[in-house]
C-alpha atoms as a PDB file:
ATOM      1  CA  MET A   1       0.000   0.000   0.000  1.00  0.00           C
ATOM      2  CA  ASN A   2       1.158   3.522  -0.757  1.00  0.00           C
ATOM      3  CA  HIS A   3       0.531   4.963   2.684  1.00  0.00           C
ATOM      4  CA  SER A   4       0.939   8.582   1.613  1.00  0.00           C
ATOM      5  CA  SER A   5      -1.905   8.234  -0.911  1.00  0.00           C
ATOM      6  CA  ALA A   6      -4.068   6.225   1.524  1.00  0.00           C
ATOM      7  CA  VAL A   7      -4.111   9.050   4.098  1.00  0.00           C
ATOM      8  CA  GLU A   8      -6.141  12.097   3.065  1.00  0.00           C
ATOM      9  CA  SER A   9      -3.851  14.782   1.646  1.00  0.00           C
ATOM     10  CA  ASP A  10      -5.416  17.536   3.747  1.00  0.00           C
ATOM     11  CA  SER A  11      -4.205  15.678   6.856  1.00  0.00           C
ATOM     12  CA  PHE A  12      -0.746  17.053   6.034  1.00  0.00           C
ATOM     13  CA  ALA A  13      -1.833  20.690   5.783  1.00  0.00           C
ATOM     14  CA  GLY A  14       0.457  22.919   7.826  1.00  0.00           C
ATOM     15  CA  TYR A  15       3.354  20.445   7.912  1.00  0.00           C
ATOM     16  CA  ARG A  16       6.529  21.682   6.258  1.00  0.00           C
ATOM     17  CA  PHE A  17       7.820  18.196   5.437  1.00  0.00           C
ATOM     18  CA  PRO A  18       6.344  16.198   2.555  1.00  0.00           C
ATOM     19  CA  PRO A  19       3.942  13.340   3.369  1.00  0.00           C
ATOM     20  CA  GLU A  20       6.463  10.737   2.167  1.00  0.00           C
ATOM     21  CA  VAL A  21       9.028  11.848   4.780  1.00  0.00           C
ATOM     22  CA  ILE A  22       6.480  12.012   7.605  1.00  0.00           C
ATOM     23  CA  LEU A  23       5.030   8.570   6.913  1.00  0.00           C
ATOM     24  CA  LEU A  24       8.448   7.008   6.381  1.00  0.00           C
ATOM     25  CA  ALA A  25       9.488   8.229   9.837  1.00  0.00           C
ATOM     26  CA  VAL A  26       6.269   6.919  11.400  1.00  0.00           C
ATOM     27  CA  ARG A  27       6.641   3.524   9.717  1.00  0.00           C
ATOM     28  CA  TRP A  28      10.285   3.190  10.795  1.00  0.00           C
ATOM     29  CA  TYR A  29       9.354   3.998  14.379  1.00  0.00           C
ATOM     30  CA  LEU A  30       6.481   1.522  14.508  1.00  0.00           C
ATOM     31  CA  ARG A  31       8.191  -1.261  12.579  1.00  0.00           C
ATOM     32  CA  TYR A  32      11.729  -1.351  13.967  1.00  0.00           C
ATOM     33  CA  GLY A  33      13.305  -1.259  17.430  1.00  0.00           C
ATOM     34  CA  LEU A  34      14.052   2.445  17.260  1.00  0.00           C
ATOM     35  CA  SER A  35      13.675   5.370  19.608  1.00  0.00           C
ATOM     36  CA  TYR A  36      12.567   8.794  18.368  1.00  0.00           C
ATOM     37  CA  ARG A  37      16.203   9.915  18.517  1.00  0.00           C
ATOM     38  CA  ASP A  38      17.223   6.907  16.395  1.00  0.00           C
ATOM     39  CA  VAL A  39      14.734   7.948  13.720  1.00  0.00           C
ATOM     40  CA  GLU A  40      16.030  11.529  13.949  1.00  0.00           C
ATOM     41  CA  GLU A  41      19.558  10.256  13.247  1.00  0.00           C
ATOM     42  CA  LEU A  42      18.480   8.061  10.327  1.00  0.00           C
ATOM     43  CA  LEU A  43      16.687  10.981   8.694  1.00  0.00           C
ATOM     44  CA  ALA A  44      19.701  13.242   9.302  1.00  0.00           C
ATOM     45  CA  GLU A  45      21.877  10.724   7.431  1.00  0.00           C
ATOM     46  CA  ARG A  46      19.569  11.305   4.473  1.00  0.00           C
ATOM     47  CA  GLY A  47      19.864  15.095   4.741  1.00  0.00           C
ATOM     48  CA  ILE A  48      16.516  15.582   6.505  1.00  0.00           C
ATOM     49  CA  ASP A  49      16.845  17.789   9.582  1.00  0.00           C
ATOM     50  CA  VAL A  50      13.974  17.092  11.977  1.00  0.00           C
ATOM     51  CA  ASP A  51      14.085  16.769  15.770  1.00  0.00           C
ATOM     52  CA  HIS A  52      12.835  13.806  17.793  1.00  0.00           C
ATOM     53  CA  VAL A  53       9.993  15.793  19.415  1.00  0.00           C
ATOM     54  CA  THR A  54       8.542  16.479  15.967  1.00  0.00           C
ATOM     55  CA  ILE A  55       8.791  12.770  15.113  1.00  0.00           C
ATOM     56  CA  TYR A  56       6.922  11.970  18.331  1.00  0.00           C
ATOM     57  CA  ARG A  57       4.145  14.343  17.250  1.00  0.00           C
ATOM     58  CA  TRP A  58       4.024  12.737  13.806  1.00  0.00           C
ATOM     59  CA  VAL A  59       3.625   9.278  15.350  1.00  0.00           C
ATOM     60  CA  GLN A  60       0.798  10.501  17.587  1.00  0.00           C
ATOM     61  CA  ARG A  61      -0.956  12.302  14.753  1.00  0.00           C
ATOM     62  CA  PHE A  62      -0.579   9.892  11.853  1.00  0.00           C
ATOM     63  CA  THR A  63      -0.595   6.399  13.371  1.00  0.00           C
ATOM     64  CA  PRO A  64      -4.394   6.415  13.891  1.00  0.00           C
ATOM     65  CA  LEU A  65      -4.863   7.728  10.331  1.00  0.00           C
ATOM     66  CA  LEU A  66      -2.673   4.959   8.902  1.00  0.00           C
ATOM     67  CA  ILE A  67      -4.569   2.306  10.862  1.00  0.00           C
ATOM     68  CA  GLU A  68      -7.894   3.646   9.591  1.00  0.00           C
ATOM     69  CA  ALA A  69      -6.656   3.896   5.993  1.00  0.00           C
ATOM     70  CA  ALA A  70      -5.442   0.282   6.105  1.00  0.00           C
ATOM     71  CA  ARG A  71      -8.685  -1.103   7.556  1.00  0.00           C
ATOM     72  CA  PRO A  72     -10.259  -2.067   4.182  1.00  0.00           C
ATOM     73  CA  CYS A  73      -7.091  -4.009   3.261  1.00  0.00           C
ATOM     74  CA  ARG A  74      -7.010  -6.162   6.406  1.00  0.00           C
ATOM     75  CA  HIS A  75      -7.822  -9.847   6.240  1.00  0.00           C
ATOM     76  CA  ALA A  76     -11.210 -10.742   7.691  1.00  0.00           C
ATOM     77  CA  VAL A  77     -10.793 -11.541  11.368  1.00  0.00           C
ATOM     78  CA  GLY A  78     -10.852 -15.271  12.097  1.00  0.00           C
ATOM     79  CA  ASP A  79     -13.429 -16.944  14.332  1.00  0.00           C
ATOM     80  CA  ARG A  80     -10.970 -18.353  16.889  1.00  0.00           C
ATOM     81  CA  TRP A  81      -9.640 -15.711  19.249  1.00  0.00           C
ATOM     82  CA  SER A  82      -6.830 -15.860  21.810  1.00  0.00           C
ATOM     83  CA  VAL A  83      -7.288 -13.172  24.474  1.00  0.00           C
ATOM     84  CA  ASP A  84      -4.977 -12.171  27.296  1.00  0.00           C
ATOM     85  CA  GLU A  85      -3.740  -9.145  29.194  1.00  0.00           C
ATOM     86  CA  THR A  86      -0.157  -8.053  29.657  1.00  0.00           C
ATOM     87  CA  TYR A  87       1.228  -4.919  31.280  1.00  0.00           C
ATOM     88  CA  VAL A  88       3.383  -1.922  30.415  1.00  0.00           C
ATOM     89  CA  LYS A  89       4.672   1.051  32.386  1.00  0.00           C
ATOM     90  CA  VAL A  90       3.327   4.526  31.596  1.00  0.00           C
ATOM     91  CA  MET A  91       5.105   7.320  33.468  1.00  0.00           C
ATOM     92  CA  GLY A  92       6.297   4.731  35.974  1.00  0.00           C
ATOM     93  CA  MET A  93       2.788   3.377  36.644  1.00  0.00           C
ATOM     94  CA  TRP A  94       1.608  -0.062  35.533  1.00  0.00           C
ATOM     95  CA  ARG A  95      -1.090  -0.241  32.887  1.00  0.00           C
ATOM     96  CA  TYR A  96      -2.850  -3.391  31.723  1.00  0.00           C
ATOM     97  CA  VAL A  97      -3.034  -4.083  28.000  1.00  0.00           C
ATOM     98  CA  TYR A  98      -5.873  -6.302  26.832  1.00  0.00           C
ATOM     99  CA  ARG A  99      -5.086  -7.864  23.454  1.00  0.00           C
ATOM    100  CA  ALA A 100      -6.606 -10.468  21.148  1.00  0.00           C
ATOM    101  CA  VAL A 101      -5.238 -12.291  18.102  1.00  0.00           C
ATOM    102  CA  ASP A 102      -7.028 -14.674  15.761  1.00  0.00           C
ATOM    103  CA  GLN A 103      -5.904 -18.122  14.615  1.00  0.00           C
ATOM    104  CA  HIS A 104      -3.854 -16.499  11.825  1.00  0.00           C
ATOM    105  CA  GLY A 105      -1.885 -14.326  14.250  1.00  0.00           C
ATOM    106  CA  GLN A 106      -3.656 -11.108  13.211  1.00  0.00           C
ATOM    107  CA  VAL A 107      -4.141  -8.667  16.092  1.00  0.00           C
ATOM    108  CA  ILE A 108      -7.876  -8.136  16.541  1.00  0.00           C
ATOM    109  CA  ASP A 109      -8.035  -5.388  19.124  1.00  0.00           C
ATOM    110  CA  VAL A 110      -6.079  -3.609  21.871  1.00  0.00           C
ATOM    111  CA  TYR A 111      -7.211  -1.785  25.015  1.00  0.00           C
ATOM    112  CA  VAL A 112      -4.981  -0.014  27.570  1.00  0.00           C
ATOM    113  CA  SER A 113      -6.554   0.143  31.041  1.00  0.00           C
ATOM    114  CA  LYS A 114      -5.579   1.501  34.442  1.00  0.00           C
ATOM    115  CA  ARG A 115      -7.269  -1.516  36.016  1.00  0.00           C
ATOM    116  CA  ARG A 116      -7.477  -5.242  35.503  1.00  0.00           C
ATOM    117  CA  ASN A 117     -11.100  -5.947  36.359  1.00  0.00           C
ATOM    118  CA  VAL A 118     -14.515  -6.895  34.983  1.00  0.00           C
ATOM    119  CA  ALA A 119     -15.234  -3.376  33.688  1.00  0.00           C
ATOM    120  CA  ALA A 120     -11.990  -3.300  31.692  1.00  0.00           C
ATOM    121  CA  ALA A 121     -12.524  -6.803  30.292  1.00  0.00           C
ATOM    122  CA  ARG A 122     -16.116  -5.925  29.342  1.00  0.00           C
ATOM    123  CA  HIS A 123     -15.029  -2.714  27.590  1.00  0.00           C
ATOM    124  CA  PHE A 124     -12.426  -4.641  25.611  1.00  0.00           C
ATOM    125  CA  PHE A 125     -14.820  -7.375  24.519  1.00  0.00           C
ATOM    126  CA  GLU A 126     -17.713  -5.051  23.709  1.00  0.00           C
ATOM    127  CA  THR A 127     -15.461  -3.031  21.398  1.00  0.00           C
ATOM    128  CA  ALA A 128     -13.963  -6.116  19.739  1.00  0.00           C
ATOM    129  CA  LEU A 129     -17.372  -7.740  19.224  1.00  0.00           C
ATOM    130  CA  SER A 130     -18.824  -4.522  17.818  1.00  0.00           C
ATOM    131  CA  ASN A 131     -15.967  -4.189  15.330  1.00  0.00           C
ATOM    132  CA  HIS A 132     -15.443  -7.826  14.349  1.00  0.00           C
ATOM    133  CA  GLY A 133     -18.493  -9.923  15.184  1.00  0.00           C
ATOM    134  CA  ARG A 134     -18.756 -12.939  17.451  1.00  0.00           C
ATOM    135  CA  PRO A 135     -16.067 -15.640  17.510  1.00  0.00           C
ATOM    136  CA  ALA A 136     -16.889 -19.351  17.566  1.00  0.00           C
ATOM    137  CA  GLU A 137     -14.060 -20.057  20.016  1.00  0.00           C
ATOM    138  CA  VAL A 138     -12.176 -17.988  22.600  1.00  0.00           C
ATOM    139  CA  THR A 139      -9.002 -19.065  24.396  1.00  0.00           C
ATOM    140  CA  THR A 140      -8.020 -17.355  27.664  1.00  0.00           C
ATOM    141  CA  ASP A 141      -6.400 -18.170  30.962  1.00  0.00           C
ATOM    142  CA  LEU A 142      -8.495 -18.605  34.117  1.00  0.00           C
ATOM    143  CA  THR A 143      -8.538 -14.902  35.068  1.00  0.00           C
ATOM    144  CA  ALA A 144     -11.868 -14.288  36.803  1.00  0.00           C
ATOM    145  CA  PRO A 145     -12.878 -11.097  34.906  1.00  0.00           C
ATOM    146  CA  LEU A 146     -12.350 -12.795  31.534  1.00  0.00           C
ATOM    147  CA  LEU A 147     -14.326 -15.863  32.613  1.00  0.00           C
ATOM    148  CA  ARG A 148     -17.233 -13.714  33.763  1.00  0.00           C
ATOM    149  CA  VAL A 149     -17.341 -11.398  30.750  1.00  0.00           C
ATOM    150  CA  ILE A 150     -17.132 -14.192  28.171  1.00  0.00           C
ATOM    151  CA  GLU A 151     -19.970 -16.045  29.894  1.00  0.00           C
ATOM    152  CA  GLU A 152     -21.973 -12.818  29.895  1.00  0.00           C
ATOM    153  CA  LEU A 153     -21.311 -11.559  26.353  1.00  0.00           C
ATOM    154  CA  ILE A 154     -20.620 -14.662  24.240  1.00  0.00           C
ATOM    155  CA  PRO A 155     -22.048 -17.658  26.110  1.00  0.00           C
ATOM    156  CA  GLY A 156     -22.391 -19.632  22.874  1.00  0.00           C
ATOM    157  CA  ALA A 157     -18.650 -19.594  22.121  1.00  0.00           C
ATOM    158  CA  LEU A 158     -16.429 -22.539  22.998  1.00  0.00           C
ATOM    159  CA  HIS A 159     -14.196 -21.231  25.807  1.00  0.00           C
ATOM    160  CA  ASP A 160     -10.820 -22.981  26.060  1.00  0.00           C
ATOM    161  CA  THR A 161      -8.886 -22.391  29.278  1.00  0.00           C
ATOM    162  CA  GLU A 162      -6.508 -25.356  29.080  1.00  0.00           C
ATOM    163  CA  GLN A 163      -2.937 -24.716  30.234  1.00  0.00           C
ATOM    164  CA  TYR A 164      -0.641 -23.707  27.317  1.00  0.00           C
ATOM    165  CA  ALA A 165      -3.625 -23.230  24.982  1.00  0.00           C
ATOM    166  CA  ASN A 166      -2.969 -19.483  24.927  1.00  0.00           C
ATOM    167  CA  ASN A 167       0.661 -19.643  23.792  1.00  0.00           C
ATOM    168  CA  ARG A 168      -0.147 -17.750  20.574  1.00  0.00           C
ATOM    169  CA  ILE A 169      -1.131 -14.512  22.306  1.00  0.00           C
ATOM    170  CA  GLU A 170       1.570 -14.878  24.976  1.00  0.00           C
ATOM    171  CA  ASN A 171       4.218 -15.146  22.245  1.00  0.00           C
ATOM    172  CA  ASP A 172       2.731 -12.071  20.588  1.00  0.00           C
ATOM    173  CA  HIS A 173       3.026 -10.197  23.906  1.00  0.00           C
ATOM    174  CA  GLY A 174       6.746 -10.992  23.747  1.00  0.00           C
ATOM    175  CA  ARG A 175       7.085  -9.311  20.358  1.00  0.00           C
ATOM    176  CA  LEU A 176       5.269  -6.246  21.679  1.00  0.00           C
ATOM    177  CA  LYS A 177       7.489  -6.013  24.776  1.00  0.00           C
ATOM    178  CA  ALA A 178      10.599  -6.316  22.597  1.00  0.00           C
ATOM    179  CA  ARG A 179       9.340  -3.394  20.486  1.00  0.00           C
ATOM    180  CA  LEU A 180       8.564  -1.218  23.507  1.00  0.00           C
ATOM    181  CA  ARG A 181      11.978  -1.710  25.123  1.00  0.00           C
ATOM    182  CA  PRO A 182      13.892   0.906  23.037  1.00  0.00           C
ATOM    183  CA  MET A 183      11.206   3.525  23.621  1.00  0.00           C
ATOM    184  CA  ARG A 184      12.563   4.495  27.045  1.00  0.00           C
ATOM    185  CA  GLY A 185       9.157   4.860  28.609  1.00  0.00           C
ATOM    186  CA  LEU A 186       5.655   5.769  27.514  1.00  0.00           C
ATOM    187  CA  CYS A 187       4.502   9.185  28.659  1.00  0.00           C
ATOM    188  CA  THR A 188       0.686   8.996  28.620  1.00  0.00           C
ATOM    189  CA  ASP A 189      -2.077   6.406  28.333  1.00  0.00           C
ATOM    190  CA  ARG A 190      -2.953   7.850  24.930  1.00  0.00           C
ATOM    191  CA  THR A 191       0.658   7.482  23.750  1.00  0.00           C
ATOM    192  CA  ALA A 192       0.714   3.883  24.957  1.00  0.00           C
ATOM    193  CA  SER A 193      -2.543   3.076  23.172  1.00  0.00           C
ATOM    194  CA  ILE A 194      -1.453   4.658  19.887  1.00  0.00           C
ATOM    195  CA  VAL A 195       1.980   3.008  19.848  1.00  0.00           C
ATOM    196  CA  ILE A 196       0.625  -0.429  20.783  1.00  0.00           C
ATOM    197  CA  ARG A 197      -2.101  -0.172  18.147  1.00  0.00           C
ATOM    198  CA  GLY A 198       0.516   1.017  15.655  1.00  0.00           C
ATOM    199  CA  HIS A 199       2.726  -1.958  16.425  1.00  0.00           C
ATOM    200  CA  ALA A 200      -0.250  -4.256  15.756  1.00  0.00           C
ATOM    201  CA  PHE A 201      -0.978  -2.455  12.476  1.00  0.00           C
ATOM    202  CA  VAL A 202       2.591  -2.802  11.214  1.00  0.00           C
END
């Protein structure tokens, strides 16, 4: 996909750099284990003088637009979901990240929450079900909020809680954590949500 043509051209109004440079920087940041300063250096090597704070703003502004532009090109979400929560630090405070992948390894949805409880699990599932329909099978661990919400919202789905059944999503958590490591901390919940969603998109 030509990302610069997929995002509406008026989204770049007021930016002094061309869309191709902005979206290249965003893609590098989301795709590779780079910090904002790393991206700044790579652009400088190509004669493009832009500071890391500007690159941060580009990532915050354009990642959601890229995700939305790519939505029609995504594969249809599968009917077997693996769901789990992991955790990240935002300004030194733990946040819980609810994530789901289908049987093909495609990330279905992401939700960053201050709490790990029934309300957070329900919010995550309601959004995922609204966007992607109802799965035939859901695999989770035995976390009480997930057990309760699945019984409440999708009682007809086969619910697998066998030990090791959820290795797919746990392995995917590992890839996410490896990507977050070079970032030297996430500053806000919104930043965390955008970057984690961007990682899933890439």
